[in-house]
C-alpha atoms as a PDB file:
ATOM      1  CA  MET A   1     -69.247  68.455 112.358  1.00  0.00           C
ATOM      2  CA  THR A   2     -66.459  71.020 112.850  1.00  0.00           C
ATOM      3  CA  PRO A   3     -64.083  71.895 109.961  1.00  0.00           C
ATOM      4  CA  LYS A   4     -61.353  70.062 111.779  1.00  0.00           C
ATOM      5  CA  ASP A   5     -63.530  66.940 112.301  1.00  0.00           C
ATOM      6  CA  ARG A   6     -64.486  67.002 108.763  1.00  0.00           C
ATOM      7  CA  ALA A   7     -60.887  67.299 107.555  1.00  0.00           C
ATOM      8  CA  GLU A   8     -59.835  64.453 109.810  1.00  0.00           C
ATOM      9  CA  LYS A   9     -62.568  62.198 108.636  1.00  0.00           C
ATOM     10  CA  ALA A  10     -61.886  63.047 105.001  1.00  0.00           C
ATOM     11  CA  ALA A  11     -58.200  62.350 105.593  1.00  0.00           C
ATOM     12  CA  GLN A  12     -58.881  58.980 107.201  1.00  0.00           C
ATOM     13  CA  SER A  13     -61.280  58.002 104.492  1.00  0.00           C
ATOM     14  CA  MET A  14     -58.693  58.839 101.853  1.00  0.00           C
ATOM     15  CA  TRP A  15     -55.815  57.291 103.733  1.00  0.00           C
ATOM     16  CA  GLN A  16     -57.616  53.911 103.814  1.00  0.00           C
ATOM     17  CA  GLN A  17     -57.536  53.873  99.957  1.00  0.00           C
ATOM     18  CA  ASP A  18     -54.122  55.604  99.413  1.00  0.00           C
ATOM     19  CA  HIS A  19     -52.129  52.485  98.756  1.00  0.00           C
ATOM     20  CA  ALA A  20     -49.489  54.407  96.830  1.00  0.00           C
ATOM     21  CA  SER A  21     -48.550  56.749  99.653  1.00  0.00           C
ATOM     22  CA  GLN A  22     -48.622  53.857 102.162  1.00  0.00           C
ATOM     23  CA  TRP A  23     -46.427  51.756  99.762  1.00  0.00           C
ATOM     24  CA  MET A  24     -43.850  54.563  99.532  1.00  0.00           C
ATOM     25  CA  GLY A  25     -43.661  54.684 103.289  1.00  0.00           C
ATOM     26  CA  MET A  26     -45.504  57.995 103.784  1.00  0.00           C
ATOM     27  CA  GLU A  27     -47.290  58.898 107.093  1.00  0.00           C
ATOM     28  CA  LEU A  28     -50.140  61.230 107.427  1.00  0.00           C
ATOM     29  CA  ALA A  29     -49.100  63.456 110.265  1.00  0.00           C
ATOM     30  CA  ASP A  30     -51.933  66.101 110.437  1.00  0.00           C
ATOM     31  CA  ALA A  31     -55.010  67.294 108.481  1.00  0.00           C
ATOM     32  CA  SER A  32     -57.215  70.302 109.004  1.00  0.00           C
ATOM     33  CA  GLU A  33     -59.302  72.437 106.677  1.00  0.00           C
ATOM     34  CA  GLY A  34     -57.020  73.406 103.809  1.00  0.00           C
ATOM     35  CA  ARG A  35     -53.915  72.008 105.421  1.00  0.00           C
ATOM     36  CA  ALA A  36     -52.190  68.699 105.604  1.00  0.00           C
ATOM     37  CA  VAL A  37     -48.795  67.329 106.672  1.00  0.00           C
ATOM     38  CA  MET A  38     -47.170  64.178 105.282  1.00  0.00           C
ATOM     39  CA  GLU A  39     -43.817  62.743 106.426  1.00  0.00           C
ATOM     40  CA  LEU A  40     -41.424  60.136 104.964  1.00  0.00           C
ATOM     41  CA  THR A  41     -38.059  58.825 106.184  1.00  0.00           C
ATOM     42  CA  VAL A  42     -35.772  58.505 103.208  1.00  0.00           C
ATOM     43  CA  ALA A  43     -34.729  54.832 102.789  1.00  0.00           C
ATOM     44  CA  LYS A  44     -32.343  53.126 100.380  1.00  0.00           C
ATOM     45  CA  HIS A  45     -35.150  52.430  97.898  1.00  0.00           C
ATOM     46  CA  HIS A  46     -36.006  56.102  97.780  1.00  0.00           C
ATOM     47  CA  CYS A  47     -32.552  57.062  96.580  1.00  0.00           C
ATOM     48  CA  ASN A  48     -31.366  57.676  92.938  1.00  0.00           C
ATOM     49  CA  GLY A  49     -27.946  56.962  91.331  1.00  0.00           C
ATOM     50  CA  HIS A  50     -26.456  59.916  93.085  1.00  0.00           C
ATOM     51  CA  GLY A  51     -27.349  58.585  96.496  1.00  0.00           C
ATOM     52  CA  MET A  52     -29.927  61.344  96.866  1.00  0.00           C
ATOM     53  CA  CYS A  53     -33.640  61.070  97.468  1.00  0.00           C
ATOM     54  CA  HIS A  54     -35.140  60.751  93.958  1.00  0.00           C
ATOM     55  CA  GLY A  55     -36.985  63.874  92.837  1.00  0.00           C
ATOM     56  CA  GLY A  56     -40.020  61.800  92.010  1.00  0.00           C
ATOM     57  CA  VAL A  57     -40.277  60.605  95.539  1.00  0.00           C
ATOM     58  CA  ILE A  58     -40.158  64.220  96.842  1.00  0.00           C
ATOM     59  CA  PHE A  59     -42.800  65.158  94.381  1.00  0.00           C
ATOM     60  CA  ALA A  60     -44.957  62.269  95.428  1.00  0.00           C
ATOM     61  CA  LEU A  61     -44.648  63.325  99.048  1.00  0.00           C
ATOM     62  CA  ALA A  62     -45.662  66.988  98.267  1.00  0.00           C
ATOM     63  CA  ASP A  63     -48.421  65.672  95.980  1.00  0.00           C
ATOM     64  CA  SER A  64     -49.889  63.564  98.661  1.00  0.00           C
ATOM     65  CA  ALA A  65     -49.907  66.437 101.187  1.00  0.00           C
ATOM     66  CA  PHE A  66     -51.479  68.614  98.477  1.00  0.00           C
ATOM     67  CA  ALA A  67     -54.245  66.029  97.916  1.00  0.00           C
ATOM     68  CA  PHE A  68     -55.168  65.712 101.616  1.00  0.00           C
ATOM     69  CA  ALA A  69     -55.298  69.449 102.083  1.00  0.00           C
ATOM     70  CA  CYS A  70     -57.460  69.898  98.853  1.00  0.00           C
ATOM     71  CA  ASN A  71     -60.007  67.239  99.895  1.00  0.00           C
ATOM     72  CA  SER A  72     -60.323  68.484 103.571  1.00  0.00           C
ATOM     73  CA  ARG A  73     -63.683  70.048 102.963  1.00  0.00           C
ATOM     74  CA  ASN A  74     -65.144  66.573 101.889  1.00  0.00           C
ATOM     75  CA  GLN A  75     -65.449  67.585  98.189  1.00  0.00           C
ATOM     76  CA  VAL A  76     -63.774  65.355  95.777  1.00  0.00           C
ATOM     77  CA  THR A  77     -60.841  67.423  94.444  1.00  0.00           C
ATOM     78  CA  VAL A  78     -58.171  66.554  92.044  1.00  0.00           C
ATOM     79  CA  ALA A  79     -54.938  67.941  90.781  1.00  0.00           C
ATOM     80  CA  GLN A  80     -55.269  70.131  87.672  1.00  0.00           C
ATOM     81  CA  HIS A  81     -51.654  71.317  87.424  1.00  0.00           C
ATOM     82  CA  ASN A  82     -48.552  70.997  89.693  1.00  0.00           C
ATOM     83  CA  SER A  83     -45.044  72.291  89.611  1.00  0.00           C
ATOM     84  CA  ILE A  84     -41.961  71.828  91.914  1.00  0.00           C
ATOM     85  CA  THR A  85     -38.682  73.554  92.447  1.00  0.00           C
ATOM     86  CA  TYR A  86     -35.980  71.520  94.087  1.00  0.00           C
ATOM     87  CA  ILE A  87     -33.793  73.652  96.407  1.00  0.00           C
ATOM     88  CA  ALA A  88     -31.724  71.021  98.339  1.00  0.00           C
ATOM     89  CA  SER A  89     -30.983  67.318  98.278  1.00  0.00           C
ATOM     90  CA  GLY A  90     -32.787  64.846 100.425  1.00  0.00           C
ATOM     91  CA  ARG A  91     -30.449  62.168 101.772  1.00  0.00           C
ATOM     92  CA  LEU A  92     -30.664  58.672 103.026  1.00  0.00           C
ATOM     93  CA  GLY A  93     -32.118  58.661 106.668  1.00  0.00           C
ATOM     94  CA  ASP A  94     -33.511  62.237 106.228  1.00  0.00           C
ATOM     95  CA  ARG A  95     -37.020  62.712 107.727  1.00  0.00           C
ATOM     96  CA  LEU A  96     -38.859  64.664 105.147  1.00  0.00           C
ATOM     97  CA  ARG A  97     -41.955  66.702 105.984  1.00  0.00           C
ATOM     98  CA  ALA A  98     -44.339  68.169 103.430  1.00  0.00           C
ATOM     99  CA  GLU A  99     -46.522  70.889 104.781  1.00  0.00           C
ATOM    100  CA  ALA A 100     -49.457  71.811 102.478  1.00  0.00           C
ATOM    101  CA  THR A 101     -51.380  75.082 102.866  1.00  0.00           C
ATOM    102  CA  GLU A 102     -54.308  76.271 100.821  1.00  0.00           C
ATOM    103  CA  ILE A 103     -53.533  79.711  99.465  1.00  0.00           C
ATOM    104  CA  SER A 104     -56.638  80.399  97.504  1.00  0.00           C
ATOM    105  CA  LEU A 105     -60.121  78.763  96.896  1.00  0.00           C
ATOM    106  CA  ARG A 106     -62.515  80.344  94.397  1.00  0.00           C
ATOM    107  CA  GLY A 107     -65.454  78.266  93.215  1.00  0.00           C
ATOM    108  CA  ARG A 108     -64.158  74.898  92.064  1.00  0.00           C
ATOM    109  CA  SER A 109     -60.439  75.957  91.675  1.00  0.00           C
ATOM    110  CA  GLY A 110     -57.814  76.230  94.338  1.00  0.00           C
ATOM    111  CA  VAL A 111     -54.097  76.895  94.828  1.00  0.00           C
ATOM    112  CA  THR A 112     -52.071  75.095  97.374  1.00  0.00           C
ATOM    113  CA  ASP A 113     -48.498  75.559  98.399  1.00  0.00           C
ATOM    114  CA  VAL A 114     -46.386  72.758  99.794  1.00  0.00           C
ATOM    115  CA  THR A 115     -42.985  73.235 101.516  1.00  0.00           C
ATOM    116  CA  VAL A 116     -40.816  70.037 101.943  1.00  0.00           C
ATOM    117  CA  THR A 117     -38.181  70.354 104.520  1.00  0.00           C
ATOM    118  CA  ASN A 118     -35.920  67.911 106.402  1.00  0.00           C
ATOM    119  CA  GLN A 119     -35.472  67.159 110.100  1.00  0.00           C
ATOM    120  CA  SER A 120     -33.185  70.207 110.378  1.00  0.00           C
ATOM    121  CA  GLY A 121     -35.721  72.562 108.816  1.00  0.00           C
ATOM    122  CA  THR A 122     -33.803  72.867 105.505  1.00  0.00           C
ATOM    123  CA  VAL A 123     -36.142  73.626 102.669  1.00  0.00           C
ATOM    124  CA  ILE A 124     -35.731  70.648 100.163  1.00  0.00           C
ATOM    125  CA  ALA A 125     -38.393  71.758  97.611  1.00  0.00           C
ATOM    126  CA  GLU A 126     -41.297  74.191  97.001  1.00  0.00           C
ATOM    127  CA  PHE A 127     -44.484  72.760  95.272  1.00  0.00           C
ATOM    128  CA  ARG A 128     -47.444  74.580  93.990  1.00  0.00           C
ATOM    129  CA  GLY A 129     -50.604  72.749  93.026  1.00  0.00           C
ATOM    130  CA  MET A 130     -53.640  73.852  91.187  1.00  0.00           C
ATOM    131  CA  SER A 131     -56.753  71.853  92.141  1.00  0.00           C
ATOM    132  CA  ARG A 132     -60.211  71.399  90.711  1.00  0.00           C
ATOM    133  CA  ALA A 133     -63.280  70.096  92.628  1.00  0.00           C
ATOM    134  CA  ILE A 134     -65.376  67.531  90.815  1.00  0.00           C
ATOM    135  CA  ASN A 135     -68.573  65.681  91.687  1.00  0.00           C
ATOM    136  CA  GLY A 136     -68.738  63.665  94.722  1.00  0.00           C
ATOM    137  CA  THR A 137     -67.791  63.552  98.404  1.00  0.00           C
ATOM    138  CA  VAL A 138     -64.883  61.817 100.021  1.00  0.00           C
ATOM    139  CA  PHE A 139     -67.220  60.207 102.670  1.00  0.00           C
ATOM    140  CA  ASP A 140     -70.968  60.097 103.174  1.00  0.00           C
ATOM    141  CA  GLU A 141     -71.752  62.942 105.659  1.00  0.00           C
ATOM    142  CA  ALA A 142     -75.606  62.204 105.917  1.00  0.00           C
END
């Protein structure tokens, strides 16, 4: 199995069980080894009292992309610590794209950066996630 095949199979296995991301309206756009892309169109129910996309929704989008990137090698991997910096507002109707890229992987610990942009390429947020591999695989590779 190639690394790309493994990443895609892991992503599909996770996606089938990821009811939270599906419920929020996210879409898995791409997955490869150490990388994933999630997208979301900002709907009315994603907006806060200022009419902007709620920060928690943006965080969730980035966190989901982070999760798919971290699990791309078929090793169950979870978040250990995440942080986000909001740079611009997401607005109703925006198409947000979260691109996760693994920056470092040493033993069981990894660092992944996620950039969230809108349809115009404006950076909405920068997210950094620290991951930790735990026991288990995402799918049976036997």
